[in-house]
Amino acid sequence: MSNWQGQYDNLILPALARSAATQALLIAPGALAQTGTVATQVFASRKALVCADTAGFAAAGAAACAALRAAGFTVDTLVIPADPLPKASVEAAQVFLDRLSADSALMPVSVGSGVINDLVKYAAFESDRRYLSVATAASMDGYTSAGAPLAKNGFKVTIPVRAPIALIADLDVIAAAPPEMTGWGYADLAGKSPAGGDWLLAELVGVEARDDLAWPLVQDHLRGWLAAPESVSDGGDGCAPLFIGLTAVGFAMEFHGSSRPASGADHQIAHMWEMEGHEHDGRKVSHGAAVAVGCVTALMFYDWLLNQNLEDLAPAAPDLSAALADLHTSIPDRGIAQRAEQETLAKWPNAQMHKDRITRIHRIWPETRATLKHHLFRADEMIAMLRSAQSPALPQDIGISLGHLRRTIRASAFIRSRYTIVDFLKDLGLFEDAVDAVVARQSDLSEKAMSL
């Protein structure tokens, strides 16, 4: 039995049994042929609406429809263009919601990867029904999550919804996905390293303790899932453990009740570029590509932090009025800035809270520092891994200038109430020095890349 099969049996199936939302899951070569069988187990109606974009439908749509019809389903299809990439927004989900709202007997079946899954997940929830997800790529961690990360009025949020009632992942289809999509999934999983670091820091200052279910489900296995990046880029043996890891992360988010197990400063950087609609080489930059660069940037912050002496610091409490001024300078879009101000105010510490945080840092930092050193990948190590997985790694890989990166880092600090390394650095009065150091390091790497 290969490692992924053992983890499927010993990690994923127990998680499935614990899930309050997902009733059936099949990850295996040839699983697509079982779509109809699984659908009969979870759906009362025998009317299916297969929802996809053109790329997802080309990968698995015809076979999914055939399997559903063979099982006695009447099948309608709703296929949207894949080029340009569909937008991950509430507004883009409306086309699926309208079709479902017109017929209460239609059971939605999502055939595709990240954005399509999230659009259908949201539409199913809003139309008060469950959906079946047919995965076509190991490109993201949201298949089994109970959230839909979508932009609403231009501001990207994770909307609480229901995870799919069933998930089917045909590993033959997954392995045949475009290498860049698998690279995006590898990057999304890699981001759990700095996200885990952020959770450790939140625990250190007393903001949010780790739990004993979601944390080990992700962090105890992360290095193994990421161990063979070269074998995911060519559809090799690394695709199956990668998909297992992404599935486990989705369950961890359901169990924890938020995206904390999966998302930290790395994702907040990526969300800024997604909200901007950033494009590179004439195409919208994908979530996974943006997270890859965010992941490396966050790990650079950690590399810098782990070399600092924190025991003797006695910083003043951060100035809220100065922070809000920086927020509105960093985020010119008024609507996004207003939402970001709400998120910032929700996490802002008063003077006593800040004093207590510094006391905890002085007392616990040596232990946490040792844990972080053991837990985290180094940025240079991660860059090499991402490159092997055919994923972007540095800002220039997705058309981000160093000035744009600096602005993004500053803005990203405000868009979530979640405590991350950026908030930790601000608590310590080290944020400006850290940003300068990280941007300088990115500049050095950029110059070296151009000289090759």
Protein backbone atom coordinates (compact mmCIF):
# COMPACT_ATOMS: atom_id res chain seq x y z
CA MET A 1 0.00 0.00 0.00
CA SER A 2 1.44 3.38 -1.00
CA ASN A 3 1.65 6.23 1.46
CA TRP A 4 -1.30 8.12 0.00
CA GLN A 5 -3.55 5.07 0.32
CA GLY A 6 -2.56 4.63 3.94
CA GLN A 7 -3.33 8.28 4.65
CA TYR A 8 -6.63 7.97 2.80
CA ASP A 9 -7.61 5.10 5.07
CA ASN A 10 -6.15 6.39 8.32
CA LEU A 11 -6.52 10.15 7.99
CA ILE A 12 -9.14 11.08 5.40
CA LEU A 13 -11.77 8.44 6.09
CA PRO A 14 -11.78 9.17 9.87
CA ALA A 15 -12.09 12.86 9.02
CA LEU A 16 -15.02 12.04 6.72
CA ALA A 17 -16.69 10.14 9.56
CA ARG A 18 -16.31 13.21 11.79
CA SER A 19 -17.59 15.66 9.16
CA ALA A 20 -21.02 17.12 9.77
CA ALA A 21 -21.40 18.05 6.12
CA THR A 22 -19.75 15.53 3.80
CA GLN A 23 -21.36 12.09 3.66
CA ALA A 24 -19.42 10.41 0.86
CA LEU A 25 -15.92 10.73 -0.53
CA LEU A 26 -14.05 8.76 -3.17
CA ILE A 27 -10.42 9.41 -4.06
CA ALA A 28 -9.05 6.77 -6.42
CA PRO A 29 -7.97 6.13 -10.00
CA GLY A 30 -11.06 5.74 -12.16
CA ALA A 31 -13.35 7.26 -9.53
CA LEU A 32 -15.15 9.40 -12.11
CA ALA A 33 -17.08 6.36 -13.33
CA GLN A 34 -18.68 6.12 -9.87
CA THR A 35 -20.22 9.62 -10.01
CA GLY A 36 -23.72 8.29 -10.62
CA THR A 37 -23.44 5.65 -7.90
CA VAL A 38 -22.30 8.21 -5.33
CA ALA A 39 -24.98 10.68 -6.44
CA THR A 40 -27.74 8.11 -5.88
CA GLN A 41 -26.48 7.67 -2.32
CA VAL A 42 -26.69 11.36 -1.41
CA PHE A 43 -29.43 12.90 -3.59
CA ALA A 44 -33.16 12.23 -3.27
CA SER A 45 -33.96 13.89 -6.60
CA ARG A 46 -32.86 12.35 -9.87
CA LYS A 47 -32.38 15.66 -11.68
CA ALA A 48 -28.79 16.89 -11.85
CA LEU A 49 -27.35 20.19 -13.00
CA VAL A 50 -23.71 19.76 -13.98
CA CYS A 51 -21.96 23.09 -13.43
CA ALA A 52 -18.53 23.74 -14.93
CA ASP A 53 -16.37 26.04 -16.94
CA THR A 54 -15.20 24.90 -20.37
CA ALA A 55 -11.86 23.63 -19.05
CA GLY A 56 -13.40 21.62 -16.22
CA PHE A 57 -16.07 20.19 -18.51
CA ALA A 58 -13.40 19.13 -21.03
CA ALA A 59 -11.52 17.34 -18.24
CA ALA A 60 -14.39 15.39 -16.71
CA GLY A 61 -17.78 16.76 -17.70
CA ALA A 62 -18.79 14.29 -20.38
CA ALA A 63 -17.82 11.28 -18.24
CA ALA A 64 -19.61 12.69 -15.19
CA CYS A 65 -22.76 13.30 -17.23
CA ALA A 66 -22.62 9.79 -18.70
CA ALA A 67 -22.22 8.24 -15.25
CA LEU A 68 -25.14 10.25 -13.89
CA ARG A 69 -27.39 9.28 -16.80
CA ALA A 70 -26.41 5.63 -16.42
CA ALA A 71 -27.55 5.85 -12.80
CA GLY A 72 -30.97 7.17 -13.84
CA PHE A 73 -30.44 10.93 -13.58
CA THR A 74 -31.82 13.49 -15.97
CA VAL A 75 -28.86 15.77 -16.61
CA ASP A 76 -28.78 19.46 -17.52
CA THR A 77 -25.53 21.36 -17.96
CA LEU A 78 -24.47 24.94 -17.29
CA VAL A 79 -20.99 25.63 -18.65
CA ILE A 80 -19.35 29.05 -18.48
CA PRO A 81 -16.17 30.19 -20.30
CA ALA A 82 -12.80 29.32 -18.78
CA ASP A 83 -11.01 32.13 -20.59
CA PRO A 84 -10.80 34.61 -19.06
CA LEU A 85 -10.63 32.80 -15.75
CA PRO A 86 -14.00 32.98 -13.99
CA LYS A 87 -14.05 35.55 -11.21
CA ALA A 88 -14.34 34.27 -7.65
CA SER A 89 -17.20 36.55 -6.66
CA VAL A 90 -20.75 36.46 -5.39
CA GLU A 91 -21.80 38.21 -8.57
CA ALA A 92 -20.25 35.48 -10.76
CA ALA A 93 -22.15 32.82 -8.81
CA GLN A 94 -25.47 34.38 -9.74
CA VAL A 95 -25.75 32.48 -13.03
CA PHE A 96 -25.68 29.17 -11.14
CA LEU A 97 -27.98 30.46 -8.43
CA ASP A 98 -30.54 31.63 -10.99
CA ARG A 99 -30.69 28.21 -12.66
CA LEU A 100 -31.02 26.39 -9.34
CA SER A 101 -33.66 28.79 -8.06
CA ALA A 102 -35.77 28.11 -11.13
CA ASP A 103 -36.12 24.39 -10.31
CA SER A 104 -36.05 23.13 -6.73
CA ALA A 105 -35.54 19.54 -7.90
CA LEU A 106 -32.17 20.26 -9.57
CA MET A 107 -29.20 18.83 -7.67
CA PRO A 108 -25.99 20.76 -8.42
CA VAL A 109 -22.88 18.84 -9.42
CA SER A 110 -19.72 20.93 -9.62
CA VAL A 111 -17.16 19.69 -12.16
CA GLY A 112 -13.97 21.69 -11.90
CA SER A 113 -11.45 23.10 -9.50
CA GLY A 114 -11.20 26.12 -7.22
CA VAL A 115 -13.37 28.93 -8.52
CA ILE A 116 -16.09 26.71 -9.98
CA ASN A 117 -16.29 24.69 -6.79
CA ASP A 118 -16.66 27.87 -4.72
CA LEU A 119 -19.24 29.42 -7.04
CA VAL A 120 -21.38 26.28 -7.01
CA LYS A 121 -20.88 25.81 -3.27
CA TYR A 122 -22.20 29.32 -2.66
CA ALA A 123 -25.09 28.94 -5.13
CA ALA A 124 -26.11 25.62 -3.58
CA PHE A 125 -26.11 27.13 -0.10
CA GLU A 126 -28.10 30.17 -1.18
CA SER A 127 -30.68 27.94 -2.90
CA ASP A 128 -30.88 25.72 0.21
CA ARG A 129 -29.63 22.46 -1.24
CA ARG A 130 -26.54 20.29 -1.16
CA TYR A 131 -24.07 19.73 -3.97
CA LEU A 132 -21.67 17.07 -5.19
CA SER A 133 -18.15 18.11 -6.15
CA VAL A 134 -16.17 16.39 -8.89
CA ALA A 135 -12.57 17.60 -8.58
CA THR A 136 -10.53 18.04 -11.73
CA ALA A 137 -7.22 19.29 -10.32
CA ALA A 138 -5.16 19.31 -7.13
CA SER A 139 -5.16 23.09 -7.36
CA MET A 140 -6.55 24.28 -4.00
CA ASP A 141 -7.67 23.22 -0.54
CA GLY A 142 -11.34 24.18 -0.60
CA TYR A 143 -13.06 21.09 -1.93
CA THR A 144 -14.02 19.83 1.53
CA SER A 145 -14.15 23.18 3.34
CA ALA A 146 -17.27 24.85 4.69
CA GLY A 147 -16.37 28.25 3.32
CA ALA A 148 -16.51 29.96 -0.06
CA PRO A 149 -13.73 32.56 -0.51
CA LEU A 150 -15.49 35.01 -2.81
CA ALA A 151 -15.38 38.73 -3.43
CA LYS A 152 -18.54 40.52 -2.36
CA ASN A 153 -18.84 44.11 -3.58
CA GLY A 154 -15.14 43.95 -4.40
CA PHE A 155 -13.94 42.75 -0.96
CA LYS A 156 -12.81 39.14 -0.72
CA VAL A 157 -14.24 37.30 2.25
CA THR A 158 -14.69 33.66 3.23
CA ILE A 159 -18.46 33.18 3.30
CA PRO A 160 -19.70 30.45 5.67
CA VAL A 161 -21.56 27.86 3.60
CA ARG A 162 -21.86 24.06 3.58
CA ALA A 163 -19.17 21.70 2.39
CA PRO A 164 -20.20 19.32 -0.40
CA ILE A 165 -22.37 16.39 0.50
CA ALA A 166 -19.99 14.25 -1.57
CA LEU A 167 -16.60 14.60 -3.23
CA ILE A 168 -15.24 12.53 -6.11
CA ALA A 169 -11.59 12.83 -7.13
CA ASP A 170 -10.43 10.65 -9.98
CA LEU A 171 -6.65 10.51 -9.60
CA ASP A 172 -6.25 9.86 -13.33
CA VAL A 173 -8.03 13.16 -14.02
CA ILE A 174 -6.07 14.92 -11.26
CA ALA A 175 -2.74 13.74 -12.68
CA ALA A 176 -3.72 14.91 -16.18
CA ALA A 177 -4.48 18.47 -15.06
CA PRO A 178 -2.30 21.25 -16.47
CA PRO A 179 1.00 21.36 -14.52
CA GLU A 180 0.48 25.01 -13.61
CA MET A 181 -2.76 24.11 -11.81
CA THR A 182 -1.05 21.38 -9.81
CA GLY A 183 1.67 23.91 -9.02
CA TRP A 184 -1.01 26.25 -7.66
CA GLY A 185 -2.27 23.50 -5.37
CA TYR A 186 1.24 22.76 -4.20
CA ALA A 187 1.66 26.44 -3.37
CA ASP A 188 -1.67 26.55 -1.55
CA LEU A 189 -0.54 23.63 0.59
CA ALA A 190 2.91 25.16 1.11
CA GLY A 191 1.23 28.25 2.53
CA LYS A 192 0.16 26.17 5.53
CA SER A 193 3.73 26.47 6.83
CA PRO A 194 3.65 30.25 7.47
CA ALA A 195 -0.06 30.02 8.31
CA GLY A 196 0.88 27.57 11.05
CA GLY A 197 3.54 29.98 12.22
CA ASP A 198 0.92 32.71 12.45
CA TRP A 199 -1.27 30.46 14.58
CA LEU A 200 1.67 29.81 16.90
CA LEU A 201 2.21 33.55 17.29
CA ALA A 202 -1.49 34.12 17.94
CA GLU A 203 -1.29 31.50 20.67
CA LEU A 204 1.88 33.08 22.08
CA VAL A 205 0.21 36.46 22.63
CA GLY A 206 -3.03 34.96 23.92
CA VAL A 207 -5.23 35.79 20.93
CA GLU A 208 -6.12 32.32 19.65
CA ALA A 209 -4.94 28.95 20.91
CA ARG A 210 -4.33 26.05 18.58
CA ASP A 211 -6.87 23.26 18.77
CA ASP A 212 -6.10 19.58 19.15
CA LEU A 213 -7.95 18.48 16.02
CA ALA A 214 -7.31 20.86 13.11
CA TRP A 215 -3.70 21.65 14.01
CA PRO A 216 -2.31 18.09 13.92
CA LEU A 217 -4.53 17.13 10.98
CA VAL A 218 -2.59 19.64 8.87
CA GLN A 219 0.73 20.36 10.52
CA ASP A 220 1.74 16.83 11.53
CA HIS A 221 1.73 15.70 7.89
CA LEU A 222 2.66 18.85 5.95
CA ARG A 223 6.31 18.09 5.28
CA GLY A 224 5.43 14.68 3.90
CA TRP A 225 2.82 16.08 1.53
CA LEU A 226 5.32 18.63 0.24
CA ALA A 227 8.29 16.26 0.12
CA ALA A 228 8.39 15.54 -3.63
CA PRO A 229 7.61 18.75 -5.58
CA GLU A 230 9.29 17.44 -8.72
CA SER A 231 6.78 14.57 -8.87
CA VAL A 232 3.71 16.82 -8.98
CA SER A 233 4.81 18.95 -11.91
CA ASP A 234 4.65 16.06 -14.38
CA GLY A 235 1.51 14.41 -13.03
CA GLY A 236 3.60 11.83 -11.20
CA ASP A 237 3.28 10.00 -7.91
CA GLY A 238 3.25 13.25 -5.91
CA CYS A 239 -0.22 14.24 -7.14
CA ALA A 240 -2.07 11.74 -4.95
CA PRO A 241 -0.47 12.76 -1.62
CA LEU A 242 -0.87 16.39 -2.63
CA PHE A 243 -4.60 15.89 -3.11
CA ILE A 244 -4.80 14.00 0.20
CA GLY A 245 -3.16 16.95 1.91
CA LEU A 246 -5.46 19.50 0.32
CA THR A 247 -8.48 17.39 1.31
CA ALA A 248 -7.27 17.14 4.90
CA VAL A 249 -6.88 20.91 5.07
CA GLY A 250 -10.46 21.37 3.90
CA PHE A 251 -11.71 19.12 6.69
CA ALA A 252 -9.52 20.97 9.20
CA MET A 253 -11.22 24.23 8.24
CA GLU A 254 -14.64 22.64 8.73
CA PHE A 255 -13.70 21.24 12.13
CA HIS A 256 -12.17 24.50 13.36
CA GLY A 257 -15.03 26.57 12.04
CA SER A 258 -12.81 29.04 10.18
CA SER A 259 -9.95 29.18 7.68
CA ARG A 260 -7.35 29.68 10.44
CA PRO A 261 -5.77 26.21 9.83
CA ALA A 262 -5.12 27.17 6.21
CA SER A 263 -4.71 30.91 5.91
CA GLY A 264 -2.50 33.60 7.37
CA ALA A 265 -0.37 36.50 6.17
CA ASP A 266 0.46 34.58 2.99
CA HIS A 267 -3.21 34.52 1.95
CA GLN A 268 -3.82 38.11 2.99
CA ILE A 269 -1.08 39.23 0.60
CA ALA A 270 -2.62 37.07 -2.13
CA HIS A 271 -6.13 38.40 -1.44
CA MET A 272 -4.96 41.95 -2.11
CA TRP A 273 -3.78 41.02 -5.60
CA GLU A 274 -6.97 39.07 -6.22
CA MET A 275 -9.12 42.03 -5.18
CA GLU A 276 -7.08 44.24 -7.49
CA GLY A 277 -7.74 41.83 -10.36
CA HIS A 278 -4.00 41.70 -10.95
CA GLU A 279 -2.99 40.34 -14.36
CA HIS A 280 0.29 39.04 -15.72
CA ASP A 281 1.01 38.24 -19.36
CA GLY A 282 -2.59 39.13 -20.23
CA ARG A 283 -4.17 36.70 -17.74
CA LYS A 284 -5.61 37.13 -14.31
CA VAL A 285 -3.20 35.75 -11.74
CA SER A 286 -4.68 32.70 -10.04
CA HIS A 287 -5.22 32.32 -6.31
CA GLY A 288 -2.56 29.62 -6.06
CA ALA A 289 0.05 31.66 -7.94
CA ALA A 290 -0.61 34.66 -5.69
CA VAL A 291 -0.41 32.48 -2.56
CA ALA A 292 2.95 31.09 -3.73
CA VAL A 293 4.49 34.56 -3.67
CA GLY A 294 2.68 35.39 -0.45
CA CYS A 295 4.03 32.21 1.13
CA VAL A 296 7.65 33.03 0.31
CA THR A 297 7.19 36.61 1.48
CA ALA A 298 5.71 35.49 4.79
CA LEU A 299 8.55 33.01 5.30
CA MET A 300 11.04 35.82 4.69
CA PHE A 301 9.41 37.73 7.54
CA TYR A 302 9.89 34.67 9.73
CA ASP A 303 13.53 34.27 8.66
CA TRP A 304 14.12 37.86 9.75
CA LEU A 305 12.14 37.57 12.97
CA LEU A 306 13.95 34.44 14.15
CA ASN A 307 17.22 36.35 14.09
CA GLN A 308 15.96 39.14 16.39
CA ASN A 309 16.40 39.47 20.14
CA LEU A 310 12.92 40.12 21.54
CA GLU A 311 13.50 39.64 25.25
CA ASP A 312 14.61 43.21 25.95
CA LEU A 313 12.09 45.05 23.76
CA ALA A 314 9.69 47.44 25.49
CA PRO A 315 7.61 48.89 22.64
CA ALA A 316 4.83 51.42 23.04
CA ALA A 317 1.34 50.36 22.10
CA PRO A 318 0.64 50.80 18.37
CA ASP A 319 -1.07 54.09 17.48
CA LEU A 320 -4.57 53.42 16.11
CA SER A 321 -4.97 56.81 14.43
CA ALA A 322 -1.64 56.38 12.64
CA ALA A 323 -2.61 52.86 11.62
CA LEU A 324 -5.93 54.01 10.16
CA ALA A 325 -4.17 56.77 8.24
CA ASP A 326 -1.77 54.17 6.83
CA LEU A 327 -4.74 51.95 5.97
CA HIS A 328 -6.42 54.60 3.85
CA THR A 329 -3.13 55.49 2.17
CA SER A 330 -2.35 51.84 1.41
CA ILE A 331 -5.87 50.95 0.19
CA PRO A 332 -7.14 53.64 -2.20
CA ASP A 333 -10.41 51.84 -2.98
CA ARG A 334 -12.91 53.41 -0.59
CA GLY A 335 -15.17 50.37 -0.31
CA ILE A 336 -12.31 47.98 0.42
CA ALA A 337 -10.80 50.47 2.87
CA GLN A 338 -14.06 50.74 4.80
CA ARG A 339 -14.28 46.97 5.18
CA ALA A 340 -10.60 46.80 6.10
CA GLU A 341 -11.15 49.40 8.81
CA GLN A 342 -13.83 47.19 10.38
CA GLU A 343 -11.46 44.21 10.34
CA THR A 344 -8.66 46.29 11.86
CA LEU A 345 -10.80 47.70 14.65
CA ALA A 346 -11.99 44.18 15.51
CA LYS A 347 -8.44 43.05 16.36
CA TRP A 348 -6.91 46.26 17.68
CA PRO A 349 -5.51 45.87 21.23
CA ASN A 350 -6.07 48.44 23.95
CA ALA A 351 -3.10 49.53 26.06
CA GLN A 352 -3.53 46.83 28.68
CA MET A 353 -3.96 44.08 26.07
CA HIS A 354 -0.78 45.24 24.37
CA LYS A 355 1.11 45.31 27.66
CA ASP A 356 -0.07 41.78 28.43
CA ARG A 357 1.05 40.61 24.99
CA ILE A 358 4.57 41.98 25.49
CA THR A 359 4.75 40.31 28.90
CA ARG A 360 3.80 36.98 27.34
CA ILE A 361 6.35 37.44 24.56
CA HIS A 362 9.13 38.09 27.08
CA ARG A 363 8.14 34.98 28.99
CA ILE A 364 7.32 32.51 26.21
CA TRP A 365 9.31 33.66 23.16
CA PRO A 366 12.32 31.33 23.61
CA GLU A 367 10.06 28.29 23.60
CA THR A 368 7.95 29.56 20.69
CA ARG A 369 11.07 30.51 18.74
CA ALA A 370 12.34 26.94 19.04
CA THR A 371 8.97 25.60 17.87
CA LEU A 372 8.93 27.98 14.91
CA LYS A 373 12.44 26.98 13.87
CA HIS A 374 11.38 23.34 13.88
CA HIS A 375 8.05 23.98 12.19
CA LEU A 376 8.82 26.47 9.43
CA PHE A 377 10.45 26.04 6.06
CA ARG A 378 13.17 28.56 5.29
CA ALA A 379 12.31 30.93 2.45
CA ASP A 380 15.17 29.77 0.22
CA GLU A 381 14.14 26.16 0.74
CA MET A 382 10.56 26.99 -0.18
CA ILE A 383 11.61 28.89 -3.31
CA ALA A 384 13.45 25.79 -4.55
CA MET A 385 10.47 23.57 -3.75
CA LEU A 386 8.01 25.83 -5.53
CA ARG A 387 10.28 26.02 -8.56
CA SER A 388 10.43 22.21 -8.68
CA ALA A 389 6.62 22.11 -8.61
CA GLN A 390 6.50 24.57 -11.55
CA SER A 391 4.95 27.21 -9.32
CA PRO A 392 5.76 30.91 -9.13
CA ALA A 393 7.83 31.90 -6.12
CA LEU A 394 8.98 35.53 -6.42
CA PRO A 395 7.04 38.74 -7.16
CA GLN A 396 8.47 39.15 -10.66
CA ASP A 397 7.11 35.70 -11.54
CA ILE A 398 3.59 37.16 -11.46
CA GLY A 399 4.43 40.70 -12.60
CA ILE A 400 4.64 42.35 -9.18
CA SER A 401 7.23 45.11 -8.79
CA LEU A 402 9.05 45.64 -5.50
CA GLY A 403 7.13 48.85 -4.94
CA HIS A 404 3.86 47.01 -5.54
CA LEU A 405 4.97 44.30 -3.11
CA ARG A 406 5.73 46.87 -0.43
CA ARG A 407 2.31 48.50 -0.87
CA THR A 408 0.62 45.10 -0.78
CA ILE A 409 2.35 44.06 2.44
CA ARG A 410 1.23 47.28 4.11
CA ALA A 411 -2.34 46.96 2.86
CA SER A 412 -2.66 43.24 3.63
CA ALA A 413 -2.18 43.88 7.34
CA PHE A 414 -5.59 45.54 7.51
CA ILE A 415 -7.95 43.28 5.57
CA ARG A 416 -8.49 40.53 8.15
CA SER A 417 -9.10 40.52 11.89
CA ARG A 418 -6.89 37.40 12.05
CA TYR A 419 -3.65 37.82 14.01
CA THR A 420 -0.56 37.09 11.89
CA ILE A 421 3.16 37.75 11.89
CA VAL A 422 2.47 41.25 10.59
CA ASP A 423 0.43 42.07 13.70
CA PHE A 424 3.14 40.49 15.86
CA LEU A 425 5.79 42.71 14.29
CA LYS A 426 3.59 45.77 14.78
CA ASP A 427 3.06 44.89 18.44
CA LEU A 428 6.83 44.81 18.84
CA GLY A 429 7.48 48.01 16.87
CA LEU A 430 9.50 46.03 14.33
CA PHE A 431 7.21 46.17 11.31
CA GLU A 432 8.98 48.91 9.34
CA ASP A 433 12.42 47.32 9.79
CA ALA A 434 11.04 43.93 8.81
CA VAL A 435 9.37 45.26 5.64
CA ASP A 436 12.60 46.98 4.59
CA ALA A 437 14.55 43.77 5.17
CA VAL A 438 12.10 41.59 3.24
CA VAL A 439 11.84 43.95 0.27
CA ALA A 440 15.65 44.22 0.17
CA ARG A 441 15.93 40.43 0.16
CA GLN A 442 13.38 40.16 -2.63
CA SER A 443 15.38 42.77 -4.56
CA ASP A 444 18.59 40.75 -4.17
CA LEU A 445 16.87 37.61 -5.41
CA SER A 446 15.38 39.49 -8.34
CA GLU A 447 18.79 40.82 -9.38
CA LYS A 448 20.31 37.35 -9.12
CA ALA A 449 17.50 35.88 -11.24
CA MET A 450 17.99 38.51 -13.95
CA SER A 451 21.75 37.86 -14.05
CA LEU A 452 21.31 34.15 -14.76
